Amino acid sequence: MGKPNGFMEFTRRVVPYRDPAERLGDYREIYTEPKERSLRRQAARCMDCGVPFCQSDDGCPIDNLIPEWNDLVYQGRW
């Protein structure tokens, strides 16, 4: 799953919001679109920790779907 030490190697990054003035003119996502490199680094942070919180009904605590999805992103297979 991901990179075993990825959570230590890469710092957590939160996707920033788009500028409010820009968002007033459309119904698009409120977040900026992250670059693929950033997505893959964040996916590398996911580890096979055995803590089932990320697979609960509330989803992953870092707003991703499931560890398997993070692994696919890390591998560039999404």
C-alpha atoms as a PDB file:
ATOM      1  CA  MET A   1       0.000   0.000   0.000  1.00  0.00           C
ATOM      2  CA  GLY A   2       1.571   3.252  -1.039  1.00  0.00           C
ATOM      3  CA  LYS A   3       5.118   3.823   0.103  1.00  0.00           C
ATOM      4  CA  PRO A   4       5.905   2.280   3.517  1.00  0.00           C
ATOM      5  CA  ASN A   5       7.668   5.406   4.802  1.00  0.00           C
ATOM      6  CA  GLY A   6       5.752   7.880   2.608  1.00  0.00           C
ATOM      7  CA  PHE A   7       3.984   9.451   5.583  1.00  0.00           C
ATOM      8  CA  MET A   8       7.400  10.385   6.994  1.00  0.00           C
ATOM      9  CA  GLU A   9       8.945  11.424   3.681  1.00  0.00           C
ATOM     10  CA  PHE A  10       6.128  13.628   2.341  1.00  0.00           C
ATOM     11  CA  THR A  11       4.348  16.262   4.397  1.00  0.00           C
ATOM     12  CA  ARG A  12       0.577  16.382   4.332  1.00  0.00           C
ATOM     13  CA  ARG A  13      -0.745  18.919   1.844  1.00  0.00           C
ATOM     14  CA  VAL A  14      -4.308  20.178   1.794  1.00  0.00           C
ATOM     15  CA  VAL A  15      -5.770  21.162  -1.568  1.00  0.00           C
ATOM     16  CA  PRO A  16      -6.392  24.934  -1.392  1.00  0.00           C
ATOM     17  CA  TYR A  17      -9.728  26.591  -2.083  1.00  0.00           C
ATOM     18  CA  ARG A  18     -10.264  28.560  -5.263  1.00  0.00           C
ATOM     19  CA  ASP A  19     -10.532  32.318  -4.847  1.00  0.00           C
ATOM     20  CA  PRO A  20     -14.046  33.252  -3.581  1.00  0.00           C
ATOM     21  CA  ALA A  21     -14.461  35.971  -6.229  1.00  0.00           C
ATOM     22  CA  GLU A  22     -13.771  33.388  -8.931  1.00  0.00           C
ATOM     23  CA  ARG A  23     -16.162  30.865  -7.379  1.00  0.00           C
ATOM     24  CA  LEU A  24     -19.045  33.361  -7.429  1.00  0.00           C
ATOM     25  CA  GLY A  25     -19.162  33.128 -11.215  1.00  0.00           C
ATOM     26  CA  ASP A  26     -19.638  29.370 -11.588  1.00  0.00           C
ATOM     27  CA  TYR A  27     -20.741  26.120  -9.991  1.00  0.00           C
ATOM     28  CA  ARG A  28     -17.440  24.307 -10.339  1.00  0.00           C
ATOM     29  CA  GLU A  29     -15.500  22.684  -7.510  1.00  0.00           C
ATOM     30  CA  ILE A  30     -14.431  24.964  -4.667  1.00  0.00           C
ATOM     31  CA  TYR A  31     -10.952  23.431  -4.527  1.00  0.00           C
ATOM     32  CA  THR A  32      -8.125  24.096  -6.960  1.00  0.00           C
ATOM     33  CA  GLU A  33      -7.224  21.180  -9.174  1.00  0.00           C
ATOM     34  CA  PRO A  34      -4.082  19.540  -7.793  1.00  0.00           C
ATOM     35  CA  LYS A  35      -1.255  18.450 -10.073  1.00  0.00           C
ATOM     36  CA  GLU A  36      -0.775  14.728 -10.652  1.00  0.00           C
ATOM     37  CA  ARG A  37       2.637  14.806  -8.943  1.00  0.00           C
ATOM     38  CA  SER A  38       1.029  16.205  -5.797  1.00  0.00           C
ATOM     39  CA  LEU A  39      -1.727  13.579  -5.883  1.00  0.00           C
ATOM     40  CA  ARG A  40       0.789  10.766  -6.218  1.00  0.00           C
ATOM     41  CA  ARG A  41       2.880  12.089  -3.321  1.00  0.00           C
ATOM     42  CA  GLN A  42      -0.163  12.316  -1.080  1.00  0.00           C
ATOM     43  CA  ALA A  43      -1.219   8.810  -2.123  1.00  0.00           C
ATOM     44  CA  ALA A  44       2.261   7.599  -1.140  1.00  0.00           C
ATOM     45  CA  ARG A  45       1.498   8.742   2.419  1.00  0.00           C
ATOM     46  CA  CYS A  46      -1.200   6.077   2.772  1.00  0.00           C
ATOM     47  CA  MET A  47       0.125   3.027   4.573  1.00  0.00           C
ATOM     48  CA  ASP A  48      -1.219  -0.412   5.368  1.00  0.00           C
ATOM     49  CA  CYS A  49      -1.698   0.534   9.008  1.00  0.00           C
ATOM     50  CA  GLY A  50      -4.507  -1.855   9.895  1.00  0.00           C
ATOM     51  CA  VAL A  51      -6.602   0.992  11.336  1.00  0.00           C
ATOM     52  CA  PRO A  52     -10.031   0.646   9.685  1.00  0.00           C
ATOM     53  CA  PHE A  53     -11.107   4.305  10.004  1.00  0.00           C
ATOM     54  CA  CYS A  54     -10.368   4.998   6.342  1.00  0.00           C
ATOM     55  CA  GLN A  55     -12.743   2.208   5.337  1.00  0.00           C
ATOM     56  CA  SER A  56     -15.637   3.297   7.542  1.00  0.00           C
ATOM     57  CA  ASP A  57     -18.804   5.043   6.341  1.00  0.00           C
ATOM     58  CA  ASP A  58     -17.156   8.399   7.037  1.00  0.00           C
ATOM     59  CA  GLY A  59     -14.302   7.664   4.645  1.00  0.00           C
ATOM     60  CA  CYS A  60     -10.627   8.345   4.890  1.00  0.00           C
ATOM     61  CA  PRO A  61      -9.490  10.954   7.453  1.00  0.00           C
ATOM     62  CA  ILE A  62      -7.430  12.670   4.728  1.00  0.00           C
ATOM     63  CA  ASP A  63     -10.441  12.929   2.400  1.00  0.00           C
ATOM     64  CA  ASN A  64      -9.489  10.057   0.113  1.00  0.00           C
ATOM     65  CA  LEU A  65     -11.745   7.108  -0.564  1.00  0.00           C
ATOM     66  CA  ILE A  66      -9.860   3.951   0.454  1.00  0.00           C
ATOM     67  CA  PRO A  67      -6.272   2.679   0.776  1.00  0.00           C
ATOM     68  CA  GLU A  68      -6.607   0.613  -2.401  1.00  0.00           C
ATOM     69  CA  TRP A  69      -7.473   3.768  -4.376  1.00  0.00           C
ATOM     70  CA  ASN A  70      -4.498   5.582  -2.884  1.00  0.00           C
ATOM     71  CA  ASP A  71      -2.274   2.715  -3.962  1.00  0.00           C
ATOM     72  CA  LEU A  72      -3.569   2.928  -7.541  1.00  0.00           C
ATOM     73  CA  VAL A  73      -2.898   6.681  -7.593  1.00  0.00           C
ATOM     74  CA  TYR A  74       0.593   6.136  -6.174  1.00  0.00           C
ATOM     75  CA  GLN A  75       1.302   3.603  -8.934  1.00  0.00           C
ATOM     76  CA  GLY A  76      -0.099   5.941 -11.605  1.00  0.00           C
ATOM     77  CA  ARG A  77      -2.849   3.436 -12.468  1.00  0.00           C
ATOM     78  CA  TRP A  78      -5.876   5.683 -12.073  1.00  0.00           C
END
